[in-house]
N, C-alpha and C. Protein backbone atom coordinates (compact mmCIF):
# COMPACT_ATOMS: atom_id res chain seq x y z
N MET A 1 241.28 -5.04 -118.29
CA MET A 1 240.00 -4.57 -117.84
C MET A 1 239.09 -5.77 -117.64
N ASP A 2 238.45 -5.84 -116.49
CA ASP A 2 237.56 -6.94 -116.16
C ASP A 2 236.16 -6.62 -116.68
N CYS A 3 235.64 -7.47 -117.57
CA CYS A 3 234.34 -7.22 -118.19
C CYS A 3 233.21 -7.99 -117.53
N ARG A 4 233.50 -8.68 -116.43
CA ARG A 4 232.45 -9.44 -115.76
C ARG A 4 231.49 -8.52 -115.04
N LEU A 5 230.23 -8.92 -114.99
CA LEU A 5 229.23 -8.15 -114.26
C LEU A 5 229.35 -8.47 -112.78
N SER A 6 229.24 -7.45 -111.96
CA SER A 6 229.25 -7.68 -110.52
C SER A 6 227.86 -8.12 -110.08
N ALA A 7 227.75 -8.65 -108.91
CA ALA A 7 226.48 -9.11 -108.38
C ALA A 7 225.50 -7.96 -108.23
N SER A 8 226.01 -6.75 -108.07
CA SER A 8 225.13 -5.61 -107.88
C SER A 8 224.63 -5.03 -109.21
N ALA A 9 225.23 -5.48 -110.32
CA ALA A 9 224.81 -4.95 -111.64
C ALA A 9 223.43 -5.49 -111.99
N THR A 10 222.66 -4.67 -112.63
CA THR A 10 221.33 -5.12 -113.05
C THR A 10 221.45 -5.85 -114.37
N SER A 11 220.65 -6.90 -114.52
CA SER A 11 220.69 -7.64 -115.77
C SER A 11 219.46 -7.31 -116.58
N THR A 12 219.65 -7.30 -117.87
CA THR A 12 218.55 -7.04 -118.78
C THR A 12 218.22 -8.34 -119.48
N GLU A 13 216.96 -8.74 -119.40
CA GLU A 13 216.56 -9.99 -120.03
C GLU A 13 216.41 -9.75 -121.53
N VAL A 14 216.99 -10.64 -122.31
CA VAL A 14 216.95 -10.53 -123.75
C VAL A 14 215.97 -11.57 -124.28
N ALA A 15 215.06 -11.14 -125.12
CA ALA A 15 214.08 -12.06 -125.70
C ALA A 15 214.79 -13.05 -126.61
N PRO A 16 214.32 -14.29 -126.62
CA PRO A 16 214.95 -15.29 -127.50
C PRO A 16 214.72 -14.93 -128.97
N PHE A 17 215.64 -15.33 -129.80
CA PHE A 17 215.55 -15.06 -131.24
C PHE A 17 214.44 -15.92 -131.84
N THR A 18 213.57 -15.28 -132.59
CA THR A 18 212.56 -16.03 -133.33
C THR A 18 212.73 -15.70 -134.80
N PRO A 19 212.92 -16.73 -135.62
CA PRO A 19 213.15 -16.47 -137.04
C PRO A 19 211.91 -15.88 -137.70
N SER A 20 212.14 -15.12 -138.73
CA SER A 20 211.06 -14.52 -139.49
C SER A 20 210.21 -15.61 -140.12
N PRO A 21 208.88 -15.43 -140.15
CA PRO A 21 208.05 -16.42 -140.83
C PRO A 21 208.36 -16.50 -142.32
N LEU A 22 209.06 -15.49 -142.83
CA LEU A 22 209.42 -15.50 -144.25
C LEU A 22 210.79 -16.12 -144.49
N ALA A 23 211.41 -16.66 -143.43
CA ALA A 23 212.74 -17.25 -143.59
C ALA A 23 212.70 -18.38 -144.61
N GLU A 24 211.63 -19.17 -144.60
CA GLU A 24 211.51 -20.26 -145.55
C GLU A 24 211.38 -19.71 -146.97
N VAL A 25 210.59 -18.65 -147.13
CA VAL A 25 210.45 -18.02 -148.44
C VAL A 25 211.79 -17.47 -148.90
N ASP A 26 212.54 -16.85 -147.98
CA ASP A 26 213.86 -16.32 -148.32
C ASP A 26 214.79 -17.44 -148.79
N ALA A 27 214.72 -18.59 -148.11
CA ALA A 27 215.57 -19.72 -148.49
C ALA A 27 215.22 -20.20 -149.90
N VAL A 28 213.93 -20.27 -150.20
CA VAL A 28 213.50 -20.68 -151.54
C VAL A 28 213.95 -19.66 -152.57
N THR A 29 213.83 -18.38 -152.24
CA THR A 29 214.26 -17.33 -153.16
C THR A 29 215.74 -17.47 -153.48
N HIS A 30 216.56 -17.71 -152.47
CA HIS A 30 217.99 -17.89 -152.70
C HIS A 30 218.25 -19.12 -153.56
N GLU A 31 217.46 -20.18 -153.36
CA GLU A 31 217.60 -21.38 -154.17
C GLU A 31 217.29 -21.08 -155.63
N VAL A 32 216.22 -20.33 -155.86
CA VAL A 32 215.82 -19.98 -157.22
C VAL A 32 216.88 -19.13 -157.88
N ILE A 33 217.40 -18.15 -157.16
CA ILE A 33 218.43 -17.28 -157.72
C ILE A 33 219.67 -18.09 -158.07
N ALA A 34 220.03 -19.02 -157.20
CA ALA A 34 221.21 -19.86 -157.48
C ALA A 34 220.97 -20.76 -158.68
N ASP A 35 219.70 -21.04 -158.97
CA ASP A 35 219.33 -21.95 -160.04
C ASP A 35 219.17 -21.24 -161.39
N LEU A 36 219.36 -19.92 -161.43
CA LEU A 36 219.17 -19.18 -162.67
C LEU A 36 220.20 -19.57 -163.71
N GLY A 37 219.75 -19.63 -164.94
CA GLY A 37 220.66 -19.93 -166.04
C GLY A 37 221.39 -18.69 -166.49
N SER A 38 222.21 -18.82 -167.52
CA SER A 38 223.00 -17.70 -167.99
C SER A 38 222.14 -16.58 -168.59
N ASN A 39 220.91 -16.93 -169.01
CA ASN A 39 220.04 -15.90 -169.59
C ASN A 39 219.18 -15.23 -168.53
N GLY A 40 219.39 -15.56 -167.25
CA GLY A 40 218.63 -14.94 -166.18
C GLY A 40 217.31 -15.60 -165.88
N HIS A 41 217.02 -16.71 -166.53
CA HIS A 41 215.78 -17.43 -166.30
C HIS A 41 216.10 -18.83 -165.81
N ARG A 42 215.17 -19.38 -165.04
CA ARG A 42 215.34 -20.78 -164.64
C ARG A 42 215.31 -21.64 -165.89
N ALA A 43 216.18 -22.60 -165.93
CA ALA A 43 216.28 -23.45 -167.10
C ALA A 43 214.99 -24.24 -167.33
N ASP A 44 214.29 -24.61 -166.25
CA ASP A 44 213.11 -25.46 -166.39
C ASP A 44 211.81 -24.66 -166.50
N MET A 45 211.87 -23.35 -166.55
CA MET A 45 210.67 -22.54 -166.64
C MET A 45 210.43 -22.15 -168.09
N ASP A 46 209.27 -22.49 -168.61
CA ASP A 46 208.99 -22.18 -170.01
C ASP A 46 208.52 -20.73 -170.17
N GLN A 47 208.45 -20.30 -171.40
CA GLN A 47 208.08 -18.91 -171.70
C GLN A 47 206.68 -18.59 -171.21
N GLN A 48 205.76 -19.54 -171.32
CA GLN A 48 204.38 -19.31 -170.89
C GLN A 48 204.32 -19.03 -169.39
N THR A 49 205.10 -19.74 -168.61
CA THR A 49 205.13 -19.53 -167.15
C THR A 49 205.75 -18.18 -166.83
N ARG A 50 206.84 -17.83 -167.50
CA ARG A 50 207.45 -16.51 -167.29
C ARG A 50 206.46 -15.40 -167.62
N ASP A 51 205.73 -15.58 -168.73
CA ASP A 51 204.73 -14.57 -169.11
C ASP A 51 203.64 -14.45 -168.05
N ALA A 52 203.24 -15.59 -167.48
CA ALA A 52 202.20 -15.58 -166.44
C ALA A 52 202.70 -14.84 -165.20
N PHE A 53 203.97 -15.04 -164.83
CA PHE A 53 204.54 -14.31 -163.70
C PHE A 53 204.57 -12.81 -163.99
N GLU A 54 205.01 -12.44 -165.16
CA GLU A 54 205.08 -11.02 -165.52
C GLU A 54 203.69 -10.39 -165.49
N LYS A 55 202.69 -11.10 -165.97
CA LYS A 55 201.33 -10.58 -165.97
C LYS A 55 200.83 -10.40 -164.53
N ALA A 56 201.11 -11.40 -163.67
CA ALA A 56 200.67 -11.32 -162.27
C ALA A 56 201.34 -10.13 -161.57
N ILE A 57 202.62 -9.94 -161.79
CA ILE A 57 203.35 -8.84 -161.16
C ILE A 57 202.85 -7.49 -161.69
N SER A 58 202.59 -7.42 -162.98
CA SER A 58 202.14 -6.15 -163.56
C SER A 58 200.74 -5.77 -163.08
N ARG A 59 199.98 -6.75 -162.61
CA ARG A 59 198.61 -6.49 -162.16
C ARG A 59 198.49 -6.42 -160.64
N LEU A 60 199.62 -6.28 -159.95
CA LEU A 60 199.57 -6.19 -158.48
C LEU A 60 198.71 -5.00 -158.05
N PRO A 61 197.84 -5.21 -157.09
CA PRO A 61 197.06 -4.08 -156.58
C PRO A 61 197.97 -3.03 -155.94
N ASP A 62 197.53 -1.79 -155.97
CA ASP A 62 198.33 -0.69 -155.41
C ASP A 62 198.64 -0.90 -153.94
N TRP A 63 197.71 -1.48 -153.17
CA TRP A 63 197.96 -1.65 -151.74
C TRP A 63 199.13 -2.60 -151.51
N ILE A 64 199.28 -3.62 -152.36
CA ILE A 64 200.43 -4.53 -152.21
C ILE A 64 201.72 -3.78 -152.52
N ARG A 65 201.73 -3.05 -153.62
CA ARG A 65 202.92 -2.28 -153.99
C ARG A 65 203.31 -1.31 -152.87
N HIS A 66 202.32 -0.62 -152.34
CA HIS A 66 202.56 0.36 -151.28
C HIS A 66 203.09 -0.32 -150.02
N ASP A 67 202.41 -1.38 -149.59
CA ASP A 67 202.76 -2.02 -148.32
C ASP A 67 204.08 -2.78 -148.39
N LEU A 68 204.47 -3.27 -149.56
CA LEU A 68 205.76 -3.96 -149.69
C LEU A 68 206.92 -3.02 -149.37
N GLY A 69 206.75 -1.74 -149.68
CA GLY A 69 207.81 -0.77 -149.42
C GLY A 69 207.62 0.01 -148.13
N GLY A 70 206.58 -0.34 -147.38
CA GLY A 70 206.28 0.40 -146.16
C GLY A 70 207.16 0.03 -144.98
N LYS A 71 207.06 0.84 -143.94
CA LYS A 71 207.84 0.61 -142.73
C LYS A 71 207.09 -0.22 -141.70
N ASP A 72 205.76 -0.31 -141.83
CA ASP A 72 204.95 -1.08 -140.89
C ASP A 72 205.14 -2.57 -141.18
N GLY A 73 205.75 -3.27 -140.24
CA GLY A 73 206.06 -4.68 -140.43
C GLY A 73 204.85 -5.56 -140.67
N ALA A 74 203.75 -5.28 -139.97
CA ALA A 74 202.54 -6.10 -140.13
C ALA A 74 201.94 -5.92 -141.52
N LEU A 75 201.91 -4.68 -142.00
CA LEU A 75 201.38 -4.43 -143.34
C LEU A 75 202.28 -5.02 -144.41
N ARG A 76 203.59 -4.91 -144.20
CA ARG A 76 204.54 -5.47 -145.16
C ARG A 76 204.40 -6.99 -145.22
N MET A 77 204.23 -7.63 -144.05
CA MET A 77 204.08 -9.08 -144.02
C MET A 77 202.79 -9.49 -144.73
N ARG A 78 201.71 -8.74 -144.52
CA ARG A 78 200.44 -9.03 -145.19
C ARG A 78 200.62 -8.94 -146.71
N ALA A 79 201.31 -7.92 -147.17
CA ALA A 79 201.54 -7.76 -148.61
C ALA A 79 202.43 -8.87 -149.15
N GLU A 80 203.45 -9.27 -148.40
CA GLU A 80 204.33 -10.35 -148.83
C GLU A 80 203.55 -11.65 -148.94
N GLU A 81 202.69 -11.92 -147.97
CA GLU A 81 201.89 -13.15 -148.00
C GLU A 81 200.92 -13.15 -149.17
N ALA A 82 200.34 -11.99 -149.48
CA ALA A 82 199.43 -11.89 -150.62
C ALA A 82 200.20 -12.13 -151.93
N LEU A 83 201.40 -11.56 -152.03
CA LEU A 83 202.22 -11.74 -153.22
C LEU A 83 202.60 -13.21 -153.38
N VAL A 84 203.02 -13.84 -152.31
CA VAL A 84 203.38 -15.26 -152.37
C VAL A 84 202.18 -16.08 -152.82
N ALA A 85 200.99 -15.79 -152.30
CA ALA A 85 199.79 -16.53 -152.70
C ALA A 85 199.53 -16.36 -154.20
N MET A 86 199.72 -15.15 -154.70
CA MET A 86 199.51 -14.92 -156.13
C MET A 86 200.51 -15.71 -156.98
N LEU A 87 201.76 -15.73 -156.53
CA LEU A 87 202.79 -16.44 -157.29
C LEU A 87 202.61 -17.95 -157.21
N VAL A 88 202.17 -18.44 -156.06
CA VAL A 88 201.88 -19.88 -155.93
C VAL A 88 200.75 -20.26 -156.88
N ASP A 89 199.76 -19.38 -156.99
CA ASP A 89 198.66 -19.64 -157.93
C ASP A 89 199.17 -19.73 -159.36
N VAL A 90 200.10 -18.84 -159.73
CA VAL A 90 200.68 -18.89 -161.08
C VAL A 90 201.38 -20.24 -161.30
N LEU A 91 202.16 -20.66 -160.30
CA LEU A 91 202.87 -21.94 -160.42
C LEU A 91 201.89 -23.10 -160.50
N ASP A 92 200.85 -23.08 -159.67
CA ASP A 92 199.85 -24.15 -159.69
C ASP A 92 199.17 -24.24 -161.06
N ARG A 93 198.81 -23.09 -161.60
CA ARG A 93 198.15 -23.08 -162.91
C ARG A 93 199.10 -23.59 -164.00
N ALA A 94 200.37 -23.21 -163.89
CA ALA A 94 201.36 -23.64 -164.90
C ALA A 94 201.59 -25.15 -164.84
N SER A 95 201.48 -25.71 -163.63
CA SER A 95 201.71 -27.16 -163.48
C SER A 95 200.42 -27.97 -163.62
N GLY A 96 199.30 -27.27 -163.79
CA GLY A 96 198.02 -27.97 -163.96
C GLY A 96 197.38 -28.41 -162.68
N LYS A 97 197.84 -27.89 -161.52
CA LYS A 97 197.28 -28.29 -160.23
C LYS A 97 196.01 -27.53 -159.89
N SER A 98 195.80 -26.39 -160.50
CA SER A 98 194.65 -25.55 -160.18
C SER A 98 193.57 -25.74 -161.23
N GLY A 99 192.33 -25.64 -160.77
CA GLY A 99 191.24 -25.88 -161.70
C GLY A 99 190.59 -24.71 -162.25
């Protein structure tokens, strides 16, 4: 069977692939998961930092929780960006970078 398109066939233009803006975050997440120790925690993360993460996650606003599980891509991305900002703040505070 010949699978070539004839000259009379219509062609459909396909948009070029654009990676997700969260691809970098996904890569970091995979790095962190690969870096987990046998107890499920990063070896270099102290208890105080883990507690700070748990506190930040437990205090997530309802809109973030709702939008993270939503089907609307724009709302989900907004919630993901807000969550990342909160977690970066926790890391900055733990490392003494934030005032």
